[in-house]
Amino acid sequence: MRFGMRKPGVKRSISARTTGRLKRQMKKAIIPGYGKKGMGWVKNPRKAAYNKIYHKTSFSLWDLFK
């Protein structure tokens, strides 16, 4: 578990900005519950709990400029 500042990942940053709206629309049409709030807890509760704690205990470089 990481405490403190996260290292920025350039690959992931670019990937997050270039994943298209069309891809999300297709997944939403095919996968029931895709993109709905709280689905992470249904799909994989252990990972969802980890992510919740991780996001509360760490911060991004970009959070410093807000």
PDB file of N, CA and C in Angstrom:
ATOM      1  N   MET A   1       0.844  -1.183   0.000  1.00  0.00           N
ATOM      2  CA  MET A   1       0.000   0.000   0.000  1.00  0.00           C
ATOM      3  C   MET A   1       0.887   1.242   0.000  1.00  0.00           C
ATOM      4  N   ARG A   2       0.573   2.189  -0.842  1.00  0.00           N
ATOM      5  CA  ARG A   2       1.372   3.405  -0.957  1.00  0.00           C
ATOM      6  C   ARG A   2       0.768   4.511  -0.096  1.00  0.00           C
ATOM      7  N   PHE A   3       1.628   5.208   0.617  1.00  0.00           N
ATOM      8  CA  PHE A   3       1.248   6.399   1.370  1.00  0.00           C
ATOM      9  C   PHE A   3       2.042   7.558   0.805  1.00  0.00           C
ATOM     10  N   GLY A   4       1.394   8.670   0.546  1.00  0.00           N
ATOM     11  CA  GLY A   4       2.112   9.813   0.018  1.00  0.00           C
ATOM     12  C   GLY A   4       1.864  10.015  -1.465  1.00  0.00           C
ATOM     13  N   MET A   5       2.851  10.596  -2.143  1.00  0.00           N
ATOM     14  CA  MET A   5       2.673  10.977  -3.539  1.00  0.00           C
ATOM     15  C   MET A   5       2.875   9.800  -4.495  1.00  0.00           C
ATOM     16  N   ARG A   6       1.978   9.697  -5.487  1.00  0.00           N
ATOM     17  CA  ARG A   6       2.106   8.688  -6.533  1.00  0.00           C
ATOM     18  C   ARG A   6       2.992   9.213  -7.643  1.00  0.00           C
ATOM     19  N   LYS A   7       3.729   8.314  -8.302  1.00  0.00           N
ATOM     20  CA  LYS A   7       4.548   8.696  -9.458  1.00  0.00           C
ATOM     21  C   LYS A   7       3.636   8.785 -10.678  1.00  0.00           C
ATOM     22  N   PRO A   8       3.740   9.851 -11.470  1.00  0.00           N
ATOM     23  CA  PRO A   8       2.900   9.932 -12.660  1.00  0.00           C
ATOM     24  C   PRO A   8       3.382   8.955 -13.739  1.00  0.00           C
ATOM     25  N   GLY A   9       2.462   8.222 -14.325  1.00  0.00           N
ATOM     26  CA  GLY A   9       2.766   7.291 -15.405  1.00  0.00           C
ATOM     27  C   GLY A   9       2.371   7.916 -16.736  1.00  0.00           C
ATOM     28  N   VAL A  10       3.334   8.179 -17.591  1.00  0.00           N
ATOM     29  CA  VAL A  10       3.065   8.857 -18.862  1.00  0.00           C
ATOM     30  C   VAL A  10       2.192   7.989 -19.764  1.00  0.00           C
ATOM     31  N   LYS A  11       2.501   6.691 -19.851  1.00  0.00           N
ATOM     32  CA  LYS A  11       1.720   5.787 -20.698  1.00  0.00           C
ATOM     33  C   LYS A  11       0.257   5.756 -20.267  1.00  0.00           C
ATOM     34  N   ARG A  12       0.035   5.622 -18.985  1.00  0.00           N
ATOM     35  CA  ARG A  12      -1.335   5.544 -18.474  1.00  0.00           C
ATOM     36  C   ARG A  12      -2.071   6.861 -18.648  1.00  0.00           C
ATOM     37  N   SER A  13      -1.353   7.945 -18.502  1.00  0.00           N
ATOM     38  CA  SER A  13      -1.952   9.254 -18.667  1.00  0.00           C
ATOM     39  C   SER A  13      -2.442   9.456 -20.098  1.00  0.00           C
ATOM     40  N   ILE A  14      -1.608   9.079 -21.056  1.00  0.00           N
ATOM     41  CA  ILE A  14      -1.986   9.198 -22.467  1.00  0.00           C
ATOM     42  C   ILE A  14      -3.134   8.253 -22.787  1.00  0.00           C
ATOM     43  N   SER A  15      -3.068   7.037 -22.275  1.00  0.00           N
ATOM     44  CA  SER A  15      -4.105   6.043 -22.518  1.00  0.00           C
ATOM     45  C   SER A  15      -5.456   6.512 -21.986  1.00  0.00           C
ATOM     46  N   ALA A  16      -5.449   7.106 -20.815  1.00  0.00           N
ATOM     47  CA  ALA A  16      -6.694   7.581 -20.213  1.00  0.00           C
ATOM     48  C   ALA A  16      -7.314   8.709 -21.025  1.00  0.00           C
ATOM     49  N   ARG A  17      -6.484   9.514 -21.648  1.00  0.00           N
ATOM     50  CA  ARG A  17      -7.002  10.646 -22.431  1.00  0.00           C
ATOM     51  C   ARG A  17      -7.413  10.257 -23.840  1.00  0.00           C
ATOM     52  N   THR A  18      -6.917   9.128 -24.344  1.00  0.00           N
ATOM     53  CA  THR A  18      -7.205   8.756 -25.727  1.00  0.00           C
ATOM     54  C   THR A  18      -8.221   7.631 -25.861  1.00  0.00           C
ATOM     55  N   THR A  19      -8.634   7.011 -24.746  1.00  0.00           N
ATOM     56  CA  THR A  19      -9.662   5.987 -24.824  1.00  0.00           C
ATOM     57  C   THR A  19     -10.958   6.678 -25.226  1.00  0.00           C
ATOM     58  N   GLY A  20     -11.477   6.279 -26.364  1.00  0.00           N
ATOM     59  CA  GLY A  20     -12.576   7.012 -26.978  1.00  0.00           C
ATOM     60  C   GLY A  20     -13.935   6.783 -26.363  1.00  0.00           C
ATOM     61  N   ARG A  21     -14.817   7.729 -26.664  1.00  0.00           N
ATOM     62  CA  ARG A  21     -16.202   7.657 -26.208  1.00  0.00           C
ATOM     63  C   ARG A  21     -16.904   6.464 -26.839  1.00  0.00           C
ATOM     64  N   LEU A  22     -16.557   6.138 -28.083  1.00  0.00           N
ATOM     65  CA  LEU A  22     -17.171   5.022 -28.803  1.00  0.00           C
ATOM     66  C   LEU A  22     -16.902   3.695 -28.094  1.00  0.00           C
ATOM     67  N   LYS A  23     -15.667   3.514 -27.612  1.00  0.00           N
ATOM     68  CA  LYS A  23     -15.304   2.279 -26.909  1.00  0.00           C
ATOM     69  C   LYS A  23     -16.133   2.129 -25.631  1.00  0.00           C
ATOM     70  N   ARG A  24     -16.305   3.241 -24.901  1.00  0.00           N
ATOM     71  CA  ARG A  24     -17.113   3.193 -23.678  1.00  0.00           C
ATOM     72  C   ARG A  24     -18.577   2.910 -23.991  1.00  0.00           C
ATOM     73  N   GLN A  25     -19.082   3.494 -25.075  1.00  0.00           N
ATOM     74  CA  GLN A  25     -20.477   3.259 -25.468  1.00  0.00           C
ATOM     75  C   GLN A  25     -20.701   1.801 -25.846  1.00  0.00           C
ATOM     76  N   MET A  26     -19.747   1.202 -26.552  1.00  0.00           N
ATOM     77  CA  MET A  26     -19.875  -0.212 -26.935  1.00  0.00           C
ATOM     78  C   MET A  26     -19.877  -1.103 -25.698  1.00  0.00           C
ATOM     79  N   LYS A  27     -18.970  -0.841 -24.773  1.00  0.00           N
ATOM     80  CA  LYS A  27     -18.914  -1.647 -23.551  1.00  0.00           C
ATOM     81  C   LYS A  27     -20.201  -1.507 -22.750  1.00  0.00           C
ATOM     82  N   LYS A  28     -20.735  -0.290 -22.686  1.00  0.00           N
ATOM     83  CA  LYS A  28     -21.965  -0.040 -21.939  1.00  0.00           C
ATOM     84  C   LYS A  28     -23.139  -0.806 -22.544  1.00  0.00           C
ATOM     85  N   ALA A  29     -23.154  -0.943 -23.888  1.00  0.00           N
ATOM     86  CA  ALA A  29     -24.219  -1.665 -24.570  1.00  0.00           C
ATOM     87  C   ALA A  29     -24.106  -3.177 -24.372  1.00  0.00           C
ATOM     88  N   ILE A  30     -22.868  -3.677 -24.258  1.00  0.00           N
ATOM     89  CA  ILE A  30     -22.638  -5.122 -24.176  1.00  0.00           C
ATOM     90  C   ILE A  30     -22.638  -5.628 -22.737  1.00  0.00           C
ATOM     91  N   ILE A  31     -21.941  -4.917 -21.856  1.00  0.00           N
ATOM     92  CA  ILE A  31     -21.747  -5.381 -20.475  1.00  0.00           C
ATOM     93  C   ILE A  31     -22.766  -4.711 -19.556  1.00  0.00           C
ATOM     94  N   PRO A  32     -23.664  -5.507 -18.951  1.00  0.00           N
ATOM     95  CA  PRO A  32     -24.639  -4.891 -18.045  1.00  0.00           C
ATOM     96  C   PRO A  32     -23.953  -4.357 -16.787  1.00  0.00           C
ATOM     97  N   GLY A  33     -24.270  -3.147 -16.414  1.00  0.00           N
ATOM     98  CA  GLY A  33     -23.694  -2.544 -15.219  1.00  0.00           C
ATOM     99  C   GLY A  33     -22.388  -1.828 -15.456  1.00  0.00           C
ATOM    100  N   TYR A  34     -21.875  -1.819 -16.712  1.00  0.00           N
ATOM    101  CA  TYR A  34     -20.607  -1.148 -17.002  1.00  0.00           C
ATOM    102  C   TYR A  34     -20.764   0.357 -16.807  1.00  0.00           C
ATOM    103  N   GLY A  35     -19.864   0.932 -16.016  1.00  0.00           N
ATOM    104  CA  GLY A  35     -19.887   2.373 -15.804  1.00  0.00           C
ATOM    105  C   GLY A  35     -20.843   2.833 -14.727  1.00  0.00           C
ATOM    106  N   LYS A  36     -21.533   1.912 -14.098  1.00  0.00           N
ATOM    107  CA  LYS A  36     -22.466   2.289 -13.036  1.00  0.00           C
ATOM    108  C   LYS A  36     -21.710   2.414 -11.716  1.00  0.00           C
ATOM    109  N   LYS A  37     -22.141   3.352 -10.902  1.00  0.00           N
ATOM    110  CA  LYS A  37     -21.496   3.590  -9.615  1.00  0.00           C
ATOM    111  C   LYS A  37     -21.680   2.375  -8.694  1.00  0.00           C
ATOM    112  N   GLY A  38     -20.604   1.966  -8.063  1.00  0.00           N
ATOM    113  CA  GLY A  38     -20.665   0.872  -7.102  1.00  0.00           C
ATOM    114  C   GLY A  38     -20.490  -0.507  -7.697  1.00  0.00           C
ATOM    115  N   MET A  39     -20.292  -0.620  -8.999  1.00  0.00           N
ATOM    116  CA  MET A  39     -20.154  -1.940  -9.624  1.00  0.00           C
ATOM    117  C   MET A  39     -18.837  -2.611  -9.252  1.00  0.00           C
ATOM    118  N   GLY A  40     -17.839  -1.830  -8.877  1.00  0.00           N
ATOM    119  CA  GLY A  40     -16.576  -2.415  -8.445  1.00  0.00           C
ATOM    120  C   GLY A  40     -16.747  -3.256  -7.192  1.00  0.00           C
ATOM    121  N   TRP A  41     -17.622  -2.821  -6.304  1.00  0.00           N
ATOM    122  CA  TRP A  41     -17.883  -3.572  -5.072  1.00  0.00           C
ATOM    123  C   TRP A  41     -18.577  -4.892  -5.376  1.00  0.00           C
ATOM    124  N   VAL A  42     -19.403  -4.916  -6.420  1.00  0.00           N
ATOM    125  CA  VAL A  42     -20.103  -6.144  -6.796  1.00  0.00           C
ATOM    126  C   VAL A  42     -19.155  -7.101  -7.506  1.00  0.00           C
ATOM    127  N   LYS A  43     -18.356  -6.570  -8.414  1.00  0.00           N
ATOM    128  CA  LYS A  43     -17.470  -7.389  -9.247  1.00  0.00           C
ATOM    129  C   LYS A  43     -16.293  -7.958  -8.461  1.00  0.00           C
ATOM    130  N   ASN A  44     -15.606  -7.103  -7.688  1.00  0.00           N
ATOM    131  CA  ASN A  44     -14.424  -7.546  -6.945  1.00  0.00           C
ATOM    132  C   ASN A  44     -14.290  -6.700  -5.675  1.00  0.00           C
ATOM    133  N   PRO A  45     -14.960  -7.091  -4.583  1.00  0.00           N
ATOM    134  CA  PRO A  45     -14.966  -6.268  -3.366  1.00  0.00           C
ATOM    135  C   PRO A  45     -13.592  -6.055  -2.736  1.00  0.00           C
ATOM    136  N   ARG A  46     -12.717  -7.039  -2.847  1.00  0.00           N
ATOM    137  CA  ARG A  46     -11.382  -6.900  -2.258  1.00  0.00           C
ATOM    138  C   ARG A  46     -10.593  -5.785  -2.959  1.00  0.00           C
ATOM    139  N   LYS A  47     -10.634  -5.780  -4.289  1.00  0.00           N
ATOM    140  CA  LYS A  47      -9.947  -4.764  -5.068  1.00  0.00           C
ATOM    141  C   LYS A  47     -10.574  -3.391  -4.842  1.00  0.00           C
ATOM    142  N   ALA A  48     -11.893  -3.337  -4.737  1.00  0.00           N
ATOM    143  CA  ALA A  48     -12.584  -2.067  -4.509  1.00  0.00           C
ATOM    144  C   ALA A  48     -12.197  -1.472  -3.154  1.00  0.00           C
ATOM    145  N   ALA A  49     -12.085  -2.320  -2.132  1.00  0.00           N
ATOM    146  CA  ALA A  49     -11.679  -1.850  -0.808  1.00  0.00           C
ATOM    147  C   ALA A  49     -10.244  -1.319  -0.845  1.00  0.00           C
ATOM    148  N   TYR A  50      -9.360  -2.049  -1.527  1.00  0.00           N
ATOM    149  CA  TYR A  50      -7.964  -1.612  -1.668  1.00  0.00           C
ATOM    150  C   TYR A  50      -7.901  -0.253  -2.353  1.00  0.00           C
ATOM    151  N   ASN A  51      -8.638  -0.103  -3.458  1.00  0.00           N
ATOM    152  CA  ASN A  51      -8.616   1.144  -4.219  1.00  0.00           C
ATOM    153  C   ASN A  51      -9.148   2.316  -3.401  1.00  0.00           C
ATOM    154  N   LYS A  52     -10.179   2.066  -2.606  1.00  0.00           N
ATOM    155  CA  LYS A  52     -10.743   3.138  -1.783  1.00  0.00           C
ATOM    156  C   LYS A  52      -9.709   3.646  -0.775  1.00  0.00           C
ATOM    157  N   ILE A  53      -9.012   2.722  -0.120  1.00  0.00           N
ATOM    158  CA  ILE A  53      -7.981   3.093   0.855  1.00  0.00           C
ATOM    159  C   ILE A  53      -6.804   3.766   0.149  1.00  0.00           C
ATOM    160  N   TYR A  54      -6.405   3.215  -1.004  1.00  0.00           N
ATOM    161  CA  TYR A  54      -5.273   3.755  -1.771  1.00  0.00           C
ATOM    162  C   TYR A  54      -5.526   5.207  -2.165  1.00  0.00           C
ATOM    163  N   HIS A  55      -6.716   5.498  -2.651  1.00  0.00           N
ATOM    164  CA  HIS A  55      -7.014   6.857  -3.096  1.00  0.00           C
ATOM    165  C   HIS A  55      -7.165   7.842  -1.936  1.00  0.00           C
ATOM    166  N   LYS A  56      -7.442   7.328  -0.744  1.00  0.00           N
ATOM    167  CA  LYS A  56      -7.533   8.217   0.414  1.00  0.00           C
ATOM    168  C   LYS A  56      -6.162   8.498   1.036  1.00  0.00           C
ATOM    169  N   THR A  57      -5.200   7.577   0.840  1.00  0.00           N
ATOM    170  CA  THR A  57      -3.899   7.728   1.497  1.00  0.00           C
ATOM    171  C   THR A  57      -2.804   8.246   0.576  1.00  0.00           C
ATOM    172  N   SER A  58      -3.092   8.379  -0.705  1.00  0.00           N
ATOM    173  CA  SER A  58      -2.076   8.866  -1.635  1.00  0.00           C
ATOM    174  C   SER A  58      -2.632  10.041  -2.434  1.00  0.00           C
ATOM    175  N   PHE A  59      -1.721  10.770  -3.069  1.00  0.00           N
ATOM    176  CA  PHE A  59      -2.147  11.897  -3.881  1.00  0.00           C
ATOM    177  C   PHE A  59      -1.236  12.009  -5.098  1.00  0.00           C
ATOM    178  N   SER A  60      -1.729  12.685  -6.110  1.00  0.00           N
ATOM    179  CA  SER A  60      -1.009  12.829  -7.362  1.00  0.00           C
ATOM    180  C   SER A  60      -0.177  14.103  -7.361  1.00  0.00           C
ATOM    181  N   LEU A  61       0.775  14.147  -8.257  1.00  0.00           N
ATOM    182  CA  LEU A  61       1.573  15.363  -8.471  1.00  0.00           C
ATOM    183  C   LEU A  61       0.663  16.524  -8.844  1.00  0.00           C
ATOM    184  N   TRP A  62      -0.353  16.236  -9.661  1.00  0.00           N
ATOM    185  CA  TRP A  62      -1.258  17.276 -10.151  1.00  0.00           C
ATOM    186  C   TRP A  62      -2.157  17.833  -9.045  1.00  0.00           C
ATOM    187  N   ASP A  63      -2.369  17.056  -7.964  1.00  0.00           N
ATOM    188  CA  ASP A  63      -3.163  17.529  -6.829  1.00  0.00           C
ATOM    189  C   ASP A  63      -2.468  18.689  -6.112  1.00  0.00           C
ATOM    190  N   LEU A  64      -1.148  18.766  -6.237  1.00  0.00           N
ATOM    191  CA  LEU A  64      -0.399  19.843  -5.575  1.00  0.00           C
ATOM    192  C   LEU A  64      -0.679  21.200  -6.214  1.00  0.00           C
ATOM    193  N   PHE A  65      -1.064  21.183  -7.493  1.00  0.00           N
ATOM    194  CA  PHE A  65      -1.300  22.429  -8.213  1.00  0.00           C
ATOM    195  C   PHE A  65      -2.752  22.907  -8.136  1.00  0.00           C
ATOM    196  N   LYS A  66      -3.605  22.158  -7.501  1.00  0.00           N
ATOM    197  CA  LYS A  66      -5.030  22.539  -7.401  1.00  0.00           C
ATOM    198  C   LYS A  66      -5.240  23.565  -6.311  1.00  0.00           C
TER     199      LYS A  66
END
